[in-house]
C-alpha atoms as a PDB file:
ATOM      1  CA  MET A   1     -30.600  -9.622   5.130  1.00  0.00           C
ATOM      2  CA  LEU A   2     -28.383  -6.606   4.791  1.00  0.00           C
ATOM      3  CA  ASP A   3     -25.537  -5.230   2.736  1.00  0.00           C
ATOM      4  CA  LEU A   4     -22.227  -4.248   4.321  1.00  0.00           C
ATOM      5  CA  ARG A   5     -21.890  -0.921   2.545  1.00  0.00           C
ATOM      6  CA  ARG A   6     -24.481   1.626   3.581  1.00  0.00           C
ATOM      7  CA  ARG A   7     -24.492   5.425   3.495  1.00  0.00           C
ATOM      8  CA  GLU A   8     -25.176   6.343   7.121  1.00  0.00           C
ATOM      9  CA  LEU A   9     -23.900   3.409   9.187  1.00  0.00           C
ATOM     10  CA  ASP A  10     -21.847   0.581   7.793  1.00  0.00           C
ATOM     11  CA  GLY A  11     -23.285  -2.922   7.814  1.00  0.00           C
ATOM     12  CA  VAL A  12     -21.114  -4.092  10.699  1.00  0.00           C
ATOM     13  CA  GLY A  13     -22.454  -1.220  12.807  1.00  0.00           C
ATOM     14  CA  VAL A  14     -26.009  -2.194  11.888  1.00  0.00           C
ATOM     15  CA  ILE A  15     -25.338  -5.833  12.828  1.00  0.00           C
ATOM     16  CA  LYS A  16     -23.961  -4.734  16.206  1.00  0.00           C
ATOM     17  CA  GLN A  17     -26.999  -2.517  16.869  1.00  0.00           C
ATOM     18  CA  ILE A  18     -29.468  -5.248  15.941  1.00  0.00           C
ATOM     19  CA  ARG A  19     -27.633  -7.841  18.047  1.00  0.00           C
ATOM     20  CA  ALA A  20     -27.519  -5.414  21.000  1.00  0.00           C
ATOM     21  CA  ASP A  21     -31.312  -5.113  20.803  1.00  0.00           C
ATOM     22  CA  ASP A  22     -31.891  -8.827  20.154  1.00  0.00           C
ATOM     23  CA  GLU A  23     -29.034 -11.252  20.742  1.00  0.00           C
ATOM     24  CA  ASN A  24     -31.046 -13.993  18.988  1.00  0.00           C
ATOM     25  CA  ALA A  25     -31.397 -12.013  15.739  1.00  0.00           C
ATOM     26  CA  ARG A  26     -30.386 -14.043  12.711  1.00  0.00           C
ATOM     27  CA  ILE A  27     -28.699 -11.796  10.190  1.00  0.00           C
ATOM     28  CA  ILE A  28     -27.419 -12.731   6.753  1.00  0.00           C
ATOM     29  CA  VAL A  29     -25.048 -10.394   4.955  1.00  0.00           C
ATOM     30  CA  LEU A  30     -25.756 -10.242   1.218  1.00  0.00           C
ATOM     31  CA  THR A  31     -23.060  -8.203  -0.475  1.00  0.00           C
ATOM     32  CA  THR A  32     -20.575  -7.910  -3.327  1.00  0.00           C
ATOM     33  CA  PHE A  33     -17.617  -7.586  -0.943  1.00  0.00           C
ATOM     34  CA  ASP A  34     -15.643 -10.782  -0.420  1.00  0.00           C
ATOM     35  CA  GLY A  35     -12.556  -9.459   1.344  1.00  0.00           C
ATOM     36  CA  ASP A  36     -11.442 -11.575   4.286  1.00  0.00           C
ATOM     37  CA  GLU A  37     -11.615  -8.577   6.616  1.00  0.00           C
ATOM     38  CA  ASP A  38     -15.215  -7.857   5.574  1.00  0.00           C
ATOM     39  CA  ILE A  39     -16.243 -11.449   6.247  1.00  0.00           C
ATOM     40  CA  TYR A  40     -14.385 -11.517   9.562  1.00  0.00           C
ATOM     41  CA  ARG A  41     -15.882  -8.259  10.843  1.00  0.00           C
ATOM     42  CA  ALA A  42     -19.437  -9.275   9.863  1.00  0.00           C
ATOM     43  CA  ILE A  43     -19.240 -12.694  11.523  1.00  0.00           C
ATOM     44  CA  GLN A  44     -17.502 -11.221  14.569  1.00  0.00           C
ATOM     45  CA  ALA A  45     -20.325  -8.657  14.871  1.00  0.00           C
ATOM     46  CA  GLY A  46     -22.897 -11.462  14.930  1.00  0.00           C
ATOM     47  CA  ALA A  47     -23.967 -12.200  11.356  1.00  0.00           C
ATOM     48  CA  LYS A  48     -25.078 -15.819  10.990  1.00  0.00           C
ATOM     49  CA  GLY A  49     -24.638 -15.933   7.240  1.00  0.00           C
ATOM     50  CA  TYR A  50     -22.482 -14.279   4.598  1.00  0.00           C
ATOM     51  CA  LEU A  51     -23.362 -14.532   0.919  1.00  0.00           C
ATOM     52  CA  LEU A  52     -22.332 -12.772  -2.250  1.00  0.00           C
ATOM     53  CA  LYS A  53     -25.015 -11.138  -4.380  1.00  0.00           C
ATOM     54  CA  ASP A  54     -24.341 -13.498  -7.284  1.00  0.00           C
ATOM     55  CA  VAL A  55     -25.378 -16.513  -5.177  1.00  0.00           C
ATOM     56  CA  PRO A  56     -27.754 -18.825  -7.049  1.00  0.00           C
ATOM     57  CA  ARG A  57     -31.399 -18.482  -6.004  1.00  0.00           C
ATOM     58  CA  GLU A  58     -31.559 -22.038  -4.606  1.00  0.00           C
ATOM     59  CA  ALA A  59     -28.468 -21.480  -2.443  1.00  0.00           C
ATOM     60  CA  LEU A  60     -29.917 -18.204  -1.156  1.00  0.00           C
ATOM     61  CA  ILE A  61     -33.175 -19.864  -0.149  1.00  0.00           C
ATOM     62  CA  ASP A  62     -31.284 -22.771   1.452  1.00  0.00           C
ATOM     63  CA  SER A  63     -29.118 -20.340   3.416  1.00  0.00           C
ATOM     64  CA  ILE A  64     -32.145 -18.416   4.667  1.00  0.00           C
ATOM     65  CA  ARG A  65     -33.720 -21.673   5.862  1.00  0.00           C
ATOM     66  CA  ARG A  66     -30.513 -22.854   7.535  1.00  0.00           C
ATOM     67  CA  VAL A  67     -29.904 -19.547   9.333  1.00  0.00           C
ATOM     68  CA  HIS A  68     -33.557 -19.436  10.394  1.00  0.00           C
ATOM     69  CA  ALA A  69     -33.053 -22.924  11.874  1.00  0.00           C
ATOM     70  CA  GLY A  70     -30.122 -21.596  13.933  1.00  0.00           C
ATOM     71  CA  GLU A  71     -27.179 -22.643  11.764  1.00  0.00           C
ATOM     72  CA  THR A  72     -24.350 -20.454  10.547  1.00  0.00           C
ATOM     73  CA  CYS A  73     -24.069 -20.394   6.772  1.00  0.00           C
ATOM     74  CA  VAL A  74     -20.910 -19.274   4.997  1.00  0.00           C
ATOM     75  CA  PRO A  75     -20.021 -20.849   1.621  1.00  0.00           C
ATOM     76  CA  VAL A  76     -16.796 -22.868   1.607  1.00  0.00           C
ATOM     77  CA  HIS A  77     -14.808 -20.432  -0.548  1.00  0.00           C
ATOM     78  CA  LEU A  78     -15.691 -17.560   1.808  1.00  0.00           C
ATOM     79  CA  ALA A  79     -15.055 -19.711   4.882  1.00  0.00           C
ATOM     80  CA  ASN A  80     -11.564 -20.380   3.488  1.00  0.00           C
ATOM     81  CA  LYS A  81     -10.952 -16.632   3.241  1.00  0.00           C
ATOM     82  CA  LEU A  82     -12.194 -16.246   6.797  1.00  0.00           C
ATOM     83  CA  ALA A  83      -9.812 -18.988   7.938  1.00  0.00           C
ATOM     84  CA  GLU A  84      -6.923 -17.192   6.220  1.00  0.00           C
ATOM     85  CA  ARG A  85      -7.882 -13.966   7.996  1.00  0.00           C
ATOM     86  CA  VAL A  86      -8.076 -15.632  11.392  1.00  0.00           C
ATOM     87  CA  GLY A  87      -4.692 -17.249  10.815  1.00  0.00           C
ATOM     88  CA  SER A  88      -2.972 -14.047   9.708  1.00  0.00           C
ATOM     89  CA  GLU A  89      -1.517 -11.316  11.839  1.00  0.00           C
ATOM     90  CA  SER A  90      -3.784  -8.277  12.268  1.00  0.00           C
ATOM     91  CA  LEU A  91      -2.750  -4.746  11.417  1.00  0.00           C
ATOM     92  CA  SER A  92      -2.862  -2.226  14.226  1.00  0.00           C
ATOM     93  CA  GLU A  93      -5.100   0.817  14.055  1.00  0.00           C
ATOM     94  CA  ARG A  94      -2.033   2.993  13.426  1.00  0.00           C
ATOM     95  CA  GLU A  95      -0.885   0.704  10.603  1.00  0.00           C
ATOM     96  CA  ILE A  96      -4.317   1.056   9.000  1.00  0.00           C
ATOM     97  CA  ASP A  97      -3.979   4.841   9.287  1.00  0.00           C
ATOM     98  CA  VAL A  98      -0.580   4.660   7.574  1.00  0.00           C
ATOM     99  CA  LEU A  99      -1.990   2.386   4.854  1.00  0.00           C
ATOM    100  CA  LYS A 100      -4.835   4.794   4.118  1.00  0.00           C
ATOM    101  CA  LEU A 101      -2.352   7.634   3.652  1.00  0.00           C
ATOM    102  CA  MET A 102      -0.090   5.394   1.542  1.00  0.00           C
ATOM    103  CA  ALA A 103      -3.116   4.754  -0.669  1.00  0.00           C
ATOM    104  CA  GLN A 104      -3.357   8.514  -1.196  1.00  0.00           C
ATOM    105  CA  GLY A 105       0.237   8.477  -2.489  1.00  0.00           C
ATOM    106  CA  LYS A 106       1.723  10.305   0.487  1.00  0.00           C
ATOM    107  CA  SER A 107       5.424   9.978   1.315  1.00  0.00           C
ATOM    108  CA  ASN A 108       6.712   8.891   4.728  1.00  0.00           C
ATOM    109  CA  LYS A 109       7.401  12.529   5.561  1.00  0.00           C
ATOM    110  CA  GLU A 110       3.858  13.570   4.592  1.00  0.00           C
ATOM    111  CA  ILE A 111       2.323  10.646   6.502  1.00  0.00           C
ATOM    112  CA  GLY A 112       4.383  11.555   9.557  1.00  0.00           C
ATOM    113  CA  SER A 113       3.191  15.140   9.337  1.00  0.00           C
ATOM    114  CA  VAL A 114      -0.474  14.112   9.146  1.00  0.00           C
ATOM    115  CA  LEU A 115      -0.174  11.569  11.998  1.00  0.00           C
ATOM    116  CA  PHE A 116       2.228  13.677  14.106  1.00  0.00           C
ATOM    117  CA  ILE A 117       4.930  11.002  14.093  1.00  0.00           C
ATOM    118  CA  SER A 118       8.476  10.988  12.731  1.00  0.00           C
ATOM    119  CA  PRO A 119       9.285   9.717   9.236  1.00  0.00           C
ATOM    120  CA  GLY A 120      11.355   7.000  10.941  1.00  0.00           C
ATOM    121  CA  THR A 121       8.310   5.801  12.859  1.00  0.00           C
ATOM    122  CA  VAL A 122       6.327   5.794   9.617  1.00  0.00           C
ATOM    123  CA  LYS A 123       9.097   3.706   8.023  1.00  0.00           C
ATOM    124  CA  SER A 124       8.801   1.201  10.901  1.00  0.00           C
ATOM    125  CA  HIS A 125       5.043   0.986  10.399  1.00  0.00           C
ATOM    126  CA  VAL A 126       5.483   0.489   6.641  1.00  0.00           C
ATOM    127  CA  LYS A 127       8.001  -2.301   7.269  1.00  0.00           C
ATOM    128  CA  SER A 128       5.563  -3.987   9.665  1.00  0.00           C
ATOM    129  CA  ILE A 129       2.698  -3.614   7.170  1.00  0.00           C
ATOM    130  CA  PHE A 130       4.820  -5.231   4.443  1.00  0.00           C
ATOM    131  CA  ALA A 131       5.679  -8.166   6.722  1.00  0.00           C
ATOM    132  CA  LYS A 132       2.094  -8.716   7.895  1.00  0.00           C
ATOM    133  CA  LEU A 133       0.632  -8.490   4.393  1.00  0.00           C
ATOM    134  CA  LYS A 134       3.547 -10.442   2.874  1.00  0.00           C
ATOM    135  CA  VAL A 135       4.242  -7.812   0.210  1.00  0.00           C
ATOM    136  CA  ASN A 136       7.334  -5.951  -1.002  1.00  0.00           C
ATOM    137  CA  THR A 137       6.062  -2.601  -2.274  1.00  0.00           C
ATOM    138  CA  ARG A 138       3.687   0.156  -1.261  1.00  0.00           C
ATOM    139  CA  ALA A 139       1.519  -0.522  -4.321  1.00  0.00           C
ATOM    140  CA  GLU A 140       1.239  -4.205  -3.377  1.00  0.00           C
ATOM    141  CA  ALA A 141       0.380  -3.257   0.204  1.00  0.00           C
ATOM    142  CA  VAL A 142      -2.395  -0.903  -0.894  1.00  0.00           C
ATOM    143  CA  ALA A 143      -3.790  -3.389  -3.430  1.00  0.00           C
ATOM    144  CA  ASN A 144      -3.674  -6.246  -0.919  1.00  0.00           C
ATOM    145  CA  ALA A 145      -5.319  -4.160   1.810  1.00  0.00           C
ATOM    146  CA  ALA A 146      -8.062  -2.982  -0.544  1.00  0.00           C
ATOM    147  CA  HIS A 147      -8.704  -6.532  -1.769  1.00  0.00           C
ATOM    148  CA  ARG A 148      -8.972  -7.786   1.813  1.00  0.00           C
ATOM    149  CA  GLY A 149     -11.328  -4.956   2.771  1.00  0.00           C
ATOM    150  CA  LEU A 150      -8.893  -3.320   5.197  1.00  0.00           C
ATOM    151  CA  ILE A 151      -9.123  -0.006   3.350  1.00  0.00           C
ATOM    152  CA  GLN A 152     -11.428   1.436   0.714  1.00  0.00           C
ATOM    153  CA  LEU A 153     -10.063   3.113  -2.390  1.00  0.00           C
END
């Protein structure tokens, strides 16, 4: 059992390290973060279960038993989020960089200066971000990305 947010190495990094040492390790993520990107990254890294910290005691025990028996255990509402994530278009690394700077309130010119790209290129990235996240404003893009776990505020 491990949480996704840790001080030194994030939970996904820990999962990858454990799975590199023991590919049969059965890891359950127990966290407060339910963003589709968080779930996706944890399962992709090798977690066999993903639960929120408010899970009822009986469900937690059942999940531990099921994962120990070799099953994957993700509650339906989180599996639905995971399905949405898998079905949606991913943001590129550069688009994530732009989003992080947008979250800091930077203009296209300021973002371009930080990333060493033109304001026009930034505008293209912003347009792509809006389309992929299905939003119309910078504030919506930042809120959506934070909710999904793509960026941290």
